[in-house]
């Protein structure tokens, strides 16, 4: 189904589901829930009823300041360890922060630290919404295919075999005397004369192949680039839809939880605590789902935690006058300098 809607999608259906139904859907849900209920934590759980607006505004301001630094940092980190690990780490931090928030006994520093922890995890989740998108349509390398458990196909042999069968079928068709009533009795070249290579025929075929190769080289990159851009744009639109749906999930499922438990006989502080525990557990479940669903993403096979201690390299490719491809590796600047 996913490949019918997005022909350029190279990710598996499970990976696409984990991306859309995990990262994109819940990246905004937990933020909407926390922003809507943080005042209840201050008044009902901590018991502070003065300067509530000032405290809530200060917590939000500190959240945004940390997110300004955390978002690019998570993006740089995902280039080294992979987007899946960053997304899983982000949702684990979000889940732990939601649970610790309702265990706070004061606004400063306990509630502030919990809000900063949530900001750190939420920044990872929101950054990965964009960072995972290119991996959904990236070309799979041989290592990616081997990790996914699929053996690469011998395309060249299949094409050569198909081409030979096609030429043989064409020659047999031309040899049939009744293939065309108007020329059935006319002279036609034999199979041996078609296969015989003469200098004139070789030169003519070489020029024809050269023109075809130049035409394919000129048209194929443009067509592939157009298809890739189209597939990425369609997927980005669907990501925006799931992100907006995540806000509705928070509005329809998460926010009514305190009132639901209060109607069941729980007092207001306890109902808020139970609600935060449930939403935090959901964040852990999302992290587990992403951990299993985003395995073997294209282009992520060589990324791991060990890359944090290795010298990074920038890879550049270029073609010489003969059309040969050259790869140059140059040491990249330290992430601390960036």
C-alpha atoms as a PDB file:
ATOM      1  CA  UNK A   1       0.000   0.000   0.000  1.00  0.00           C
ATOM      2  CA  UNK A   2       2.757   2.431   0.964  1.00  0.00           C
ATOM      3  CA  UNK A   3       4.738   1.687  -2.203  1.00  0.00           C
ATOM      4  CA  UNK A   4       1.658   2.262  -4.351  1.00  0.00           C
ATOM      5  CA  UNK A   5       1.095   5.692  -2.854  1.00  0.00           C
ATOM      6  CA  UNK A   6       4.817   6.574  -2.888  1.00  0.00           C
ATOM      7  CA  UNK A   7       6.696   4.781  -5.709  1.00  0.00           C
ATOM      8  CA  UNK A   8      10.027   6.306  -4.595  1.00  0.00           C
ATOM      9  CA  UNK A   9       9.673   4.962  -1.047  1.00  0.00           C
ATOM     10  CA  UNK A  10      12.592   2.600  -0.354  1.00  0.00           C
ATOM     11  CA  UNK A  11      11.740   1.966   3.301  1.00  0.00           C
ATOM     12  CA  UNK A  12       9.766  -1.105   4.286  1.00  0.00           C
ATOM     13  CA  UNK A  13       6.103  -0.800   5.323  1.00  0.00           C
ATOM     14  CA  UNK A  14       7.100  -1.369   8.958  1.00  0.00           C
ATOM     15  CA  UNK A  15       9.659   1.435   8.804  1.00  0.00           C
ATOM     16  CA  UNK A  16       7.157   3.805   7.201  1.00  0.00           C
ATOM     17  CA  UNK A  17       4.572   2.910   9.866  1.00  0.00           C
ATOM     18  CA  UNK A  18       7.050   3.487  12.688  1.00  0.00           C
ATOM     19  CA  UNK A  19       8.020   6.825  11.182  1.00  0.00           C
ATOM     20  CA  UNK A  20       4.511   8.137  10.557  1.00  0.00           C
ATOM     21  CA  UNK A  21       2.672   6.433  13.425  1.00  0.00           C
ATOM     22  CA  UNK A  22       5.495   6.784  15.944  1.00  0.00           C
ATOM     23  CA  UNK A  23       7.777   9.755  15.395  1.00  0.00           C
ATOM     24  CA  UNK A  24       5.488  12.037  13.394  1.00  0.00           C
ATOM     25  CA  UNK A  25       2.273  11.284  15.296  1.00  0.00           C
ATOM     26  CA  UNK A  26       3.599  11.617  18.855  1.00  0.00           C
ATOM     27  CA  UNK A  27       6.244  14.314  18.337  1.00  0.00           C
ATOM     28  CA  UNK A  28       3.695  17.017  19.160  1.00  0.00           C
ATOM     29  CA  UNK A  29       1.259  15.017  21.327  1.00  0.00           C
ATOM     30  CA  UNK A  30       3.335  15.017  24.503  1.00  0.00           C
ATOM     31  CA  UNK A  31       4.187  18.691  24.123  1.00  0.00           C
ATOM     32  CA  UNK A  32       0.512  19.647  23.792  1.00  0.00           C
ATOM     33  CA  UNK A  33      -0.336  17.542  26.831  1.00  0.00           C
ATOM     34  CA  UNK A  34       2.382  19.055  29.019  1.00  0.00           C
ATOM     35  CA  UNK A  35       1.704  22.666  28.032  1.00  0.00           C
ATOM     36  CA  UNK A  36      -1.982  22.190  28.823  1.00  0.00           C
ATOM     37  CA  UNK A  37      -1.504  20.492  32.195  1.00  0.00           C
ATOM     38  CA  UNK A  38       1.634  22.080  33.646  1.00  0.00           C
ATOM     39  CA  UNK A  39      -0.469  24.615  35.564  1.00  0.00           C
ATOM     40  CA  UNK A  40      -2.337  21.768  37.276  1.00  0.00           C
ATOM     41  CA  UNK A  41       0.992  20.326  38.389  1.00  0.00           C
ATOM     42  CA  UNK A  42       1.879  23.658  39.979  1.00  0.00           C
ATOM     43  CA  UNK A  43      -1.478  24.180  41.727  1.00  0.00           C
ATOM     44  CA  UNK A  44      -2.715  20.657  42.507  1.00  0.00           C
ATOM     45  CA  UNK A  45       0.437  18.547  42.851  1.00  0.00           C
ATOM     46  CA  UNK A  46       2.869  21.090  44.337  1.00  0.00           C
ATOM     47  CA  UNK A  47       0.136  23.172  45.984  1.00  0.00           C
ATOM     48  CA  UNK A  48       1.326  26.622  44.976  1.00  0.00           C
ATOM     49  CA  UNK A  49      -1.523  29.030  44.205  1.00  0.00           C
ATOM     50  CA  UNK A  50       0.368  32.327  43.939  1.00  0.00           C
ATOM     51  CA  UNK A  51       2.331  33.584  40.937  1.00  0.00           C
ATOM     52  CA  UNK A  52       1.216  30.556  38.917  1.00  0.00           C
ATOM     53  CA  UNK A  53       1.294  32.433  35.619  1.00  0.00           C
ATOM     54  CA  UNK A  54       4.781  33.750  36.297  1.00  0.00           C
ATOM     55  CA  UNK A  55       6.108  30.291  37.142  1.00  0.00           C
ATOM     56  CA  UNK A  56       4.476  28.615  34.155  1.00  0.00           C
ATOM     57  CA  UNK A  57       5.778  31.322  31.815  1.00  0.00           C
ATOM     58  CA  UNK A  58       9.289  31.003  33.218  1.00  0.00           C
ATOM     59  CA  UNK A  59       9.222  27.229  32.740  1.00  0.00           C
ATOM     60  CA  UNK A  60       8.120  27.658  29.136  1.00  0.00           C
ATOM     61  CA  UNK A  61      10.811  30.240  28.491  1.00  0.00           C
ATOM     62  CA  UNK A  62      13.504  27.940  29.885  1.00  0.00           C
ATOM     63  CA  UNK A  63      12.087  25.132  27.734  1.00  0.00           C
ATOM     64  CA  UNK A  64      12.453  27.180  24.559  1.00  0.00           C
ATOM     65  CA  UNK A  65      15.965  28.351  25.401  1.00  0.00           C
ATOM     66  CA  UNK A  66      17.184  24.799  25.866  1.00  0.00           C
ATOM     67  CA  UNK A  67      15.412  23.650  22.686  1.00  0.00           C
ATOM     68  CA  UNK A  68      17.319  26.265  20.644  1.00  0.00           C
ATOM     69  CA  UNK A  69      20.565  24.543  21.580  1.00  0.00           C
ATOM     70  CA  UNK A  70      19.288  20.966  21.760  1.00  0.00           C
ATOM     71  CA  UNK A  71      17.723  20.760  18.292  1.00  0.00           C
ATOM     72  CA  UNK A  72      20.924  21.350  16.260  1.00  0.00           C
ATOM     73  CA  UNK A  73      22.890  19.249  18.739  1.00  0.00           C
ATOM     74  CA  UNK A  74      20.566  16.268  18.261  1.00  0.00           C
ATOM     75  CA  UNK A  75      20.807  16.738  14.495  1.00  0.00           C
ATOM     76  CA  UNK A  76      24.600  16.619  14.574  1.00  0.00           C
ATOM     77  CA  UNK A  77      24.480  13.616  16.870  1.00  0.00           C
ATOM     78  CA  UNK A  78      22.146  11.737  14.524  1.00  0.00           C
ATOM     79  CA  UNK A  79      24.773  11.982  11.778  1.00  0.00           C
ATOM     80  CA  UNK A  80      27.102   9.923  13.943  1.00  0.00           C
ATOM     81  CA  UNK A  81      24.907   7.433  15.813  1.00  0.00           C
ATOM     82  CA  UNK A  82      21.831   7.273  13.544  1.00  0.00           C
ATOM     83  CA  UNK A  83      18.356   8.749  13.613  1.00  0.00           C
ATOM     84  CA  UNK A  84      16.785   5.670  15.205  1.00  0.00           C
ATOM     85  CA  UNK A  85      18.940   5.870  18.323  1.00  0.00           C
ATOM     86  CA  UNK A  86      18.313   9.590  18.714  1.00  0.00           C
ATOM     87  CA  UNK A  87      14.539   9.159  18.346  1.00  0.00           C
ATOM     88  CA  UNK A  88      14.448   6.296  20.852  1.00  0.00           C
ATOM     89  CA  UNK A  89      16.561   8.283  23.320  1.00  0.00           C
ATOM     90  CA  UNK A  90      14.294  11.300  22.923  1.00  0.00           C
ATOM     91  CA  UNK A  91      11.097   9.422  23.727  1.00  0.00           C
ATOM     92  CA  UNK A  92      12.722   7.684  26.691  1.00  0.00           C
ATOM     93  CA  UNK A  93      13.731  11.081  28.098  1.00  0.00           C
ATOM     94  CA  UNK A  94      10.202  12.393  27.488  1.00  0.00           C
ATOM     95  CA  UNK A  95       8.641   9.456  29.323  1.00  0.00           C
ATOM     96  CA  UNK A  96      11.012   9.738  32.282  1.00  0.00           C
ATOM     97  CA  UNK A  97      10.504  13.505  32.494  1.00  0.00           C
ATOM     98  CA  UNK A  98       6.708  13.198  32.576  1.00  0.00           C
ATOM     99  CA  UNK A  99       6.922  10.790  35.493  1.00  0.00           C
ATOM    100  CA  UNK A 100       9.438  12.912  37.399  1.00  0.00           C
ATOM    101  CA  UNK A 101       7.429  16.110  36.887  1.00  0.00           C
ATOM    102  CA  UNK A 102       4.565  14.950  39.103  1.00  0.00           C
ATOM    103  CA  UNK A 103       7.011  13.847  41.807  1.00  0.00           C
ATOM    104  CA  UNK A 104       8.274  17.399  42.251  1.00  0.00           C
ATOM    105  CA  UNK A 105       7.674  19.115  45.573  1.00  0.00           C
ATOM    106  CA  UNK A 106       8.630  22.648  44.481  1.00  0.00           C
ATOM    107  CA  UNK A 107       8.819  24.733  41.325  1.00  0.00           C
ATOM    108  CA  UNK A 108      12.504  25.635  41.644  1.00  0.00           C
ATOM    109  CA  UNK A 109      14.562  23.635  41.095  1.00  0.00           C
ATOM    110  CA  UNK A 110      12.713  20.288  40.858  1.00  0.00           C
ATOM    111  CA  UNK A 111       9.904  21.215  38.455  1.00  0.00           C
ATOM    112  CA  UNK A 112      12.314  23.342  36.411  1.00  0.00           C
ATOM    113  CA  UNK A 113      14.727  20.432  36.009  1.00  0.00           C
ATOM    114  CA  UNK A 114      11.895  18.152  34.986  1.00  0.00           C
ATOM    115  CA  UNK A 115      10.719  20.655  32.386  1.00  0.00           C
ATOM    116  CA  UNK A 116      14.254  21.033  31.026  1.00  0.00           C
ATOM    117  CA  UNK A 117      14.539  17.265  30.737  1.00  0.00           C
ATOM    118  CA  UNK A 118      11.295  17.181  28.801  1.00  0.00           C
ATOM    119  CA  UNK A 119      12.597  19.945  26.533  1.00  0.00           C
ATOM    120  CA  UNK A 120      15.743  17.934  25.834  1.00  0.00           C
ATOM    121  CA  UNK A 121      13.787  14.823  24.873  1.00  0.00           C
ATOM    122  CA  UNK A 122      11.134  16.748  22.953  1.00  0.00           C
ATOM    123  CA  UNK A 123      13.832  18.472  20.901  1.00  0.00           C
ATOM    124  CA  UNK A 124      15.199  15.079  19.851  1.00  0.00           C
ATOM    125  CA  UNK A 125      11.739  13.872  18.837  1.00  0.00           C
ATOM    126  CA  UNK A 126      10.836  16.965  16.820  1.00  0.00           C
ATOM    127  CA  UNK A 127      14.240  17.068  15.116  1.00  0.00           C
ATOM    128  CA  UNK A 128      13.960  13.457  14.016  1.00  0.00           C
ATOM    129  CA  UNK A 129      10.661  14.182  12.253  1.00  0.00           C
ATOM    130  CA  UNK A 130      12.725  15.983   9.612  1.00  0.00           C
ATOM    131  CA  UNK A 131      15.923  13.935   9.911  1.00  0.00           C
ATOM    132  CA  UNK A 132      14.272  10.567   9.193  1.00  0.00           C
ATOM    133  CA  UNK A 133      12.477  11.817   6.072  1.00  0.00           C
ATOM    134  CA  UNK A 134      15.448  11.467   3.653  1.00  0.00           C
ATOM    135  CA  UNK A 135      16.071   7.908   4.872  1.00  0.00           C
ATOM    136  CA  UNK A 136      12.566   6.902   3.759  1.00  0.00           C
ATOM    137  CA  UNK A 137      13.442   7.525   0.086  1.00  0.00           C
ATOM    138  CA  UNK A 138      17.212   6.933   0.178  1.00  0.00           C
ATOM    139  CA  UNK A 139      18.798   4.349  -2.113  1.00  0.00           C
ATOM    140  CA  UNK A 140      19.765   1.120  -0.385  1.00  0.00           C
ATOM    141  CA  UNK A 141      23.415   0.110  -0.511  1.00  0.00           C
ATOM    142  CA  UNK A 142      24.706  -3.463  -0.621  1.00  0.00           C
ATOM    143  CA  UNK A 143      25.301  -3.412   3.148  1.00  0.00           C
ATOM    144  CA  UNK A 144      21.732  -2.219   3.742  1.00  0.00           C
ATOM    145  CA  UNK A 145      20.365  -5.035   1.589  1.00  0.00           C
ATOM    146  CA  UNK A 146      22.500  -7.633   3.371  1.00  0.00           C
ATOM    147  CA  UNK A 147      21.345  -6.417   6.784  1.00  0.00           C
ATOM    148  CA  UNK A 148      17.734  -6.515   5.664  1.00  0.00           C
ATOM    149  CA  UNK A 149      18.242 -10.170   4.707  1.00  0.00           C
ATOM    150  CA  UNK A 150      17.757  -9.743   0.967  1.00  0.00           C
ATOM    151  CA  UNK A 151      20.410 -10.803  -1.509  1.00  0.00           C
ATOM    152  CA  UNK A 152      21.179  -8.353  -4.326  1.00  0.00           C
ATOM    153  CA  UNK A 153      20.029  -9.386  -7.732  1.00  0.00           C
ATOM    154  CA  UNK A 154      22.383  -9.836 -10.646  1.00  0.00           C
ATOM    155  CA  UNK A 155      20.817  -7.186 -12.805  1.00  0.00           C
ATOM    156  CA  UNK A 156      23.464  -7.218 -15.492  1.00  0.00           C
ATOM    157  CA  UNK A 157      23.157 -10.932 -16.134  1.00  0.00           C
ATOM    158  CA  UNK A 158      19.385 -10.728 -16.247  1.00  0.00           C
ATOM    159  CA  UNK A 159      19.494  -7.821 -18.667  1.00  0.00           C
ATOM    160  CA  UNK A 160      22.052  -9.546 -20.866  1.00  0.00           C
ATOM    161  CA  UNK A 161      20.018 -12.758 -20.880  1.00  0.00           C
ATOM    162  CA  UNK A 162      16.842 -10.862 -21.712  1.00  0.00           C
ATOM    163  CA  UNK A 163      18.554  -8.895 -24.455  1.00  0.00           C
ATOM    164  CA  UNK A 164      19.953 -12.070 -26.062  1.00  0.00           C
ATOM    165  CA  UNK A 165      16.539 -13.735 -25.980  1.00  0.00           C
ATOM    166  CA  UNK A 166      14.976 -10.633 -27.495  1.00  0.00           C
ATOM    167  CA  UNK A 167      17.421 -10.555 -30.415  1.00  0.00           C
ATOM    168  CA  UNK A 168      16.991 -14.269 -31.019  1.00  0.00           C
ATOM    169  CA  UNK A 169      13.217 -13.915 -31.013  1.00  0.00           C
ATOM    170  CA  UNK A 170      13.444 -11.017 -33.469  1.00  0.00           C
ATOM    171  CA  UNK A 171      15.656 -13.015 -35.828  1.00  0.00           C
ATOM    172  CA  UNK A 172      13.332 -16.016 -35.683  1.00  0.00           C
ATOM    173  CA  UNK A 173      10.379 -13.738 -36.338  1.00  0.00           C
ATOM    174  CA  UNK A 174      12.100 -12.268 -39.378  1.00  0.00           C
ATOM    175  CA  UNK A 175      12.855 -15.743 -40.711  1.00  0.00           C
ATOM    176  CA  UNK A 176       9.198 -16.726 -40.666  1.00  0.00           C
ATOM    177  CA  UNK A 177       7.938 -16.543 -44.249  1.00  0.00           C
ATOM    178  CA  UNK A 178       4.346 -15.824 -43.197  1.00  0.00           C
ATOM    179  CA  UNK A 179       5.003 -13.027 -40.693  1.00  0.00           C
ATOM    180  CA  UNK A 180       3.786 -10.407 -43.153  1.00  0.00           C
ATOM    181  CA  UNK A 181       1.622 -11.155 -46.143  1.00  0.00           C
ATOM    182  CA  UNK A 182       3.002  -8.325 -48.234  1.00  0.00           C
ATOM    183  CA  UNK A 183       6.619  -9.337 -47.912  1.00  0.00           C
ATOM    184  CA  UNK A 184       6.263 -13.000 -47.144  1.00  0.00           C
ATOM    185  CA  UNK A 185       7.774 -14.046 -50.504  1.00  0.00           C
ATOM    186  CA  UNK A 186      10.376 -11.276 -50.592  1.00  0.00           C
ATOM    187  CA  UNK A 187      14.042 -11.831 -49.787  1.00  0.00           C
ATOM    188  CA  UNK A 188      14.968 -11.574 -46.118  1.00  0.00           C
ATOM    189  CA  UNK A 189      18.357 -11.836 -44.411  1.00  0.00           C
ATOM    190  CA  UNK A 190      19.227 -15.127 -42.806  1.00  0.00           C
ATOM    191  CA  UNK A 191      20.120 -15.639 -39.195  1.00  0.00           C
ATOM    192  CA  UNK A 192      23.768 -16.086 -39.979  1.00  0.00           C
ATOM    193  CA  UNK A 193      23.896 -12.880 -42.011  1.00  0.00           C
ATOM    194  CA  UNK A 194      22.271 -10.940 -39.160  1.00  0.00           C
ATOM    195  CA  UNK A 195      24.772 -12.282 -36.655  1.00  0.00           C
ATOM    196  CA  UNK A 196      27.823 -11.758 -38.861  1.00  0.00           C
ATOM    197  CA  UNK A 197      29.751  -8.662 -37.759  1.00  0.00           C
ATOM    198  CA  UNK A 198      31.167  -6.586 -40.572  1.00  0.00           C
ATOM    199  CA  UNK A 199      33.261  -3.397 -40.142  1.00  0.00           C
ATOM    200  CA  UNK A 200      30.475  -1.232 -41.504  1.00  0.00           C
ATOM    201  CA  UNK A 201      27.814  -2.796 -39.313  1.00  0.00           C
ATOM    202  CA  UNK A 202      30.071  -2.578 -36.239  1.00  0.00           C
ATOM    203  CA  UNK A 203      30.708   1.123 -36.804  1.00  0.00           C
ATOM    204  CA  UNK A 204      27.021   1.813 -37.329  1.00  0.00           C
ATOM    205  CA  UNK A 205      26.014  -0.050 -34.159  1.00  0.00           C
ATOM    206  CA  UNK A 206      28.773   1.647 -32.140  1.00  0.00           C
ATOM    207  CA  UNK A 207      27.552   5.093 -33.197  1.00  0.00           C
ATOM    208  CA  UNK A 208      23.971   4.113 -32.358  1.00  0.00           C
ATOM    209  CA  UNK A 209      24.955   2.861 -28.902  1.00  0.00           C
ATOM    210  CA  UNK A 210      26.980   5.979 -28.213  1.00  0.00           C
ATOM    211  CA  UNK A 211      24.038   8.225 -29.087  1.00  0.00           C
ATOM    212  CA  UNK A 212      21.710   6.140 -26.917  1.00  0.00           C
ATOM    213  CA  UNK A 213      24.093   6.197 -23.967  1.00  0.00           C
ATOM    214  CA  UNK A 214      24.532   9.961 -24.203  1.00  0.00           C
ATOM    215  CA  UNK A 215      20.772  10.425 -24.402  1.00  0.00           C
ATOM    216  CA  UNK A 216      20.186   8.203 -21.357  1.00  0.00           C
ATOM    217  CA  UNK A 217      22.919   9.963 -19.391  1.00  0.00           C
ATOM    218  CA  UNK A 218      21.317  13.323 -20.136  1.00  0.00           C
ATOM    219  CA  UNK A 219      17.724  12.337 -19.386  1.00  0.00           C
ATOM    220  CA  UNK A 220      17.976   9.752 -16.592  1.00  0.00           C
ATOM    221  CA  UNK A 221      19.396  11.999 -13.818  1.00  0.00           C
ATOM    222  CA  UNK A 222      16.790  14.651 -14.469  1.00  0.00           C
ATOM    223  CA  UNK A 223      13.970  12.103 -14.422  1.00  0.00           C
ATOM    224  CA  UNK A 224      15.280  10.421 -11.273  1.00  0.00           C
ATOM    225  CA  UNK A 225      15.708  13.752  -9.542  1.00  0.00           C
ATOM    226  CA  UNK A 226      12.183  14.758 -10.464  1.00  0.00           C
ATOM    227  CA  UNK A 227      10.760  11.456  -9.208  1.00  0.00           C
ATOM    228  CA  UNK A 228      12.741  11.669  -5.967  1.00  0.00           C
ATOM    229  CA  UNK A 229      11.610  15.227  -5.329  1.00  0.00           C
ATOM    230  CA  UNK A 230       8.015  14.287  -6.034  1.00  0.00           C
ATOM    231  CA  UNK A 231       8.147  11.280  -3.703  1.00  0.00           C
ATOM    232  CA  UNK A 232       9.767  13.297  -0.917  1.00  0.00           C
ATOM    233  CA  UNK A 233       7.206  16.089  -1.255  1.00  0.00           C
ATOM    234  CA  UNK A 234       4.298  13.662  -1.050  1.00  0.00           C
ATOM    235  CA  UNK A 235       5.751  11.981   2.024  1.00  0.00           C
ATOM    236  CA  UNK A 236       6.427  15.353   3.655  1.00  0.00           C
ATOM    237  CA  UNK A 237       2.785  16.279   3.198  1.00  0.00           C
ATOM    238  CA  UNK A 238       1.715  13.072   4.898  1.00  0.00           C
ATOM    239  CA  UNK A 239       4.151  13.762   7.743  1.00  0.00           C
ATOM    240  CA  UNK A 240       2.483  17.137   8.269  1.00  0.00           C
ATOM    241  CA  UNK A 241      -0.905  15.426   8.380  1.00  0.00           C
ATOM    242  CA  UNK A 242       0.223  12.939  11.045  1.00  0.00           C
ATOM    243  CA  UNK A 243       1.843  15.722  13.066  1.00  0.00           C
ATOM    244  CA  UNK A 244      -1.442  17.606  13.119  1.00  0.00           C
ATOM    245  CA  UNK A 245      -3.256  14.404  14.019  1.00  0.00           C
ATOM    246  CA  UNK A 246      -0.902  14.059  16.977  1.00  0.00           C
ATOM    247  CA  UNK A 247      -2.297  17.276  18.447  1.00  0.00           C
ATOM    248  CA  UNK A 248      -5.775  15.771  18.166  1.00  0.00           C
ATOM    249  CA  UNK A 249      -4.558  12.639  19.952  1.00  0.00           C
ATOM    250  CA  UNK A 250      -3.453  14.785  22.878  1.00  0.00           C
ATOM    251  CA  UNK A 251      -6.705  16.729  22.835  1.00  0.00           C
ATOM    252  CA  UNK A 252      -9.035  13.721  22.628  1.00  0.00           C
ATOM    253  CA  UNK A 253      -7.119  11.059  24.584  1.00  0.00           C
ATOM    254  CA  UNK A 254      -4.522  12.599  26.913  1.00  0.00           C
ATOM    255  CA  UNK A 255      -6.152  15.766  28.223  1.00  0.00           C
ATOM    256  CA  UNK A 256      -9.430  14.140  29.403  1.00  0.00           C
ATOM    257  CA  UNK A 257      -7.512  11.698  31.627  1.00  0.00           C
ATOM    258  CA  UNK A 258      -7.418  13.843  34.818  1.00  0.00           C
ATOM    259  CA  UNK A 259     -11.164  14.493  34.642  1.00  0.00           C
ATOM    260  CA  UNK A 260     -11.790  10.803  33.940  1.00  0.00           C
ATOM    261  CA  UNK A 261      -9.945   9.624  37.066  1.00  0.00           C
ATOM    262  CA  UNK A 262     -11.477  12.381  39.141  1.00  0.00           C
ATOM    263  CA  UNK A 263     -14.933  11.167  38.133  1.00  0.00           C
ATOM    264  CA  UNK A 264     -13.880   7.694  39.288  1.00  0.00           C
ATOM    265  CA  UNK A 265     -13.299   8.920  42.832  1.00  0.00           C
ATOM    266  CA  UNK A 266      -9.651  10.032  42.770  1.00  0.00           C
ATOM    267  CA  UNK A 267      -8.729  13.416  44.231  1.00  0.00           C
ATOM    268  CA  UNK A 268      -7.332  16.110  41.952  1.00  0.00           C
ATOM    269  CA  UNK A 269      -3.598  15.670  42.766  1.00  0.00           C
ATOM    270  CA  UNK A 270      -3.786  11.911  42.386  1.00  0.00           C
ATOM    271  CA  UNK A 271      -5.720  12.109  39.116  1.00  0.00           C
ATOM    272  CA  UNK A 272      -3.050  14.402  37.670  1.00  0.00           C
ATOM    273  CA  UNK A 273      -0.299  12.041  38.801  1.00  0.00           C
ATOM    274  CA  UNK A 274      -1.994   8.974  37.291  1.00  0.00           C
ATOM    275  CA  UNK A 275      -2.517  10.825  34.023  1.00  0.00           C
ATOM    276  CA  UNK A 276       1.159  11.736  33.808  1.00  0.00           C
ATOM    277  CA  UNK A 277       2.149   8.150  34.625  1.00  0.00           C
ATOM    278  CA  UNK A 278      -0.040   6.803  31.821  1.00  0.00           C
ATOM    279  CA  UNK A 279       1.221   9.307  29.245  1.00  0.00           C
ATOM    280  CA  UNK A 280       4.810   8.623  30.322  1.00  0.00           C
ATOM    281  CA  UNK A 281       4.238   4.881  29.853  1.00  0.00           C
ATOM    282  CA  UNK A 282       2.883   5.590  26.367  1.00  0.00           C
ATOM    283  CA  UNK A 283       6.104   7.479  25.583  1.00  0.00           C
ATOM    284  CA  UNK A 284       8.117   4.398  26.597  1.00  0.00           C
ATOM    285  CA  UNK A 285       5.923   2.224  24.356  1.00  0.00           C
ATOM    286  CA  UNK A 286       6.492   4.599  21.427  1.00  0.00           C
ATOM    287  CA  UNK A 287      10.244   4.407  22.020  1.00  0.00           C
ATOM    288  CA  UNK A 288      10.074   0.611  21.963  1.00  0.00           C
ATOM    289  CA  UNK A 289       7.997   0.673  18.771  1.00  0.00           C
ATOM    290  CA  UNK A 290      10.481   2.991  17.035  1.00  0.00           C
ATOM    291  CA  UNK A 291      13.415   0.879  18.209  1.00  0.00           C
ATOM    292  CA  UNK A 292      11.988  -2.183  16.493  1.00  0.00           C
ATOM    293  CA  UNK A 293      10.324  -0.477  13.540  1.00  0.00           C
ATOM    294  CA  UNK A 294      13.191   1.653  12.263  1.00  0.00           C
ATOM    295  CA  UNK A 295      15.793  -1.091  12.089  1.00  0.00           C
ATOM    296  CA  UNK A 296      17.976  -1.315   8.953  1.00  0.00           C
ATOM    297  CA  UNK A 297      17.087   2.102   7.577  1.00  0.00           C
ATOM    298  CA  UNK A 298      18.819   2.916   4.255  1.00  0.00           C
ATOM    299  CA  UNK A 299      22.103   4.728   4.870  1.00  0.00           C
ATOM    300  CA  UNK A 300      22.126   4.010   8.617  1.00  0.00           C
ATOM    301  CA  UNK A 301      24.068   0.742   8.645  1.00  0.00           C
ATOM    302  CA  UNK A 302      27.461   2.316   9.411  1.00  0.00           C
ATOM    303  CA  UNK A 303      26.248   4.648  12.187  1.00  0.00           C
ATOM    304  CA  UNK A 304      26.733   3.614  15.812  1.00  0.00           C
ATOM    305  CA  UNK A 305      27.736   4.971  19.204  1.00  0.00           C
ATOM    306  CA  UNK A 306      31.357   4.058  18.465  1.00  0.00           C
ATOM    307  CA  UNK A 307      31.446   6.801  15.825  1.00  0.00           C
ATOM    308  CA  UNK A 308      31.425   9.373  18.611  1.00  0.00           C
ATOM    309  CA  UNK A 309      35.084   8.602  19.276  1.00  0.00           C
ATOM    310  CA  UNK A 310      36.204   8.336  15.653  1.00  0.00           C
ATOM    311  CA  UNK A 311      37.555  11.043  13.409  1.00  0.00           C
ATOM    312  CA  UNK A 312      34.716  12.207  11.125  1.00  0.00           C
ATOM    313  CA  UNK A 313      35.358  12.491   7.391  1.00  0.00           C
ATOM    314  CA  UNK A 314      33.639  14.408   4.627  1.00  0.00           C
ATOM    315  CA  UNK A 315      33.153  12.329   1.483  1.00  0.00           C
ATOM    316  CA  UNK A 316      33.180  14.034  -1.908  1.00  0.00           C
ATOM    317  CA  UNK A 317      32.832  12.409  -5.320  1.00  0.00           C
ATOM    318  CA  UNK A 318      33.732  13.709  -8.769  1.00  0.00           C
ATOM    319  CA  UNK A 319      34.261  12.381 -12.284  1.00  0.00           C
ATOM    320  CA  UNK A 320      37.337  12.964 -14.367  1.00  0.00           C
ATOM    321  CA  UNK A 321      37.509  13.606 -18.103  1.00  0.00           C
ATOM    322  CA  UNK A 322      37.279   9.876 -18.821  1.00  0.00           C
ATOM    323  CA  UNK A 323      34.102   9.514 -16.780  1.00  0.00           C
ATOM    324  CA  UNK A 324      35.740   7.573 -13.944  1.00  0.00           C
ATOM    325  CA  UNK A 325      34.361   8.171 -10.444  1.00  0.00           C
ATOM    326  CA  UNK A 326      36.775   9.316  -7.711  1.00  0.00           C
ATOM    327  CA  UNK A 327      35.992   9.457  -3.984  1.00  0.00           C
ATOM    328  CA  UNK A 328      37.923  11.822  -1.719  1.00  0.00           C
ATOM    329  CA  UNK A 329      37.854  11.611   2.087  1.00  0.00           C
ATOM    330  CA  UNK A 330      38.888  14.719   4.017  1.00  0.00           C
ATOM    331  CA  UNK A 331      38.867  15.083   7.816  1.00  0.00           C
ATOM    332  CA  UNK A 332      35.798  17.012   8.930  1.00  0.00           C
ATOM    333  CA  UNK A 333      36.021  19.705  11.619  1.00  0.00           C
ATOM    334  CA  UNK A 334      35.240  18.712  15.169  1.00  0.00           C
ATOM    335  CA  UNK A 335      31.610  18.955  16.260  1.00  0.00           C
ATOM    336  CA  UNK A 336      32.758  21.095  19.164  1.00  0.00           C
ATOM    337  CA  UNK A 337      34.115  23.644  16.675  1.00  0.00           C
ATOM    338  CA  UNK A 338      30.859  23.628  14.730  1.00  0.00           C
END
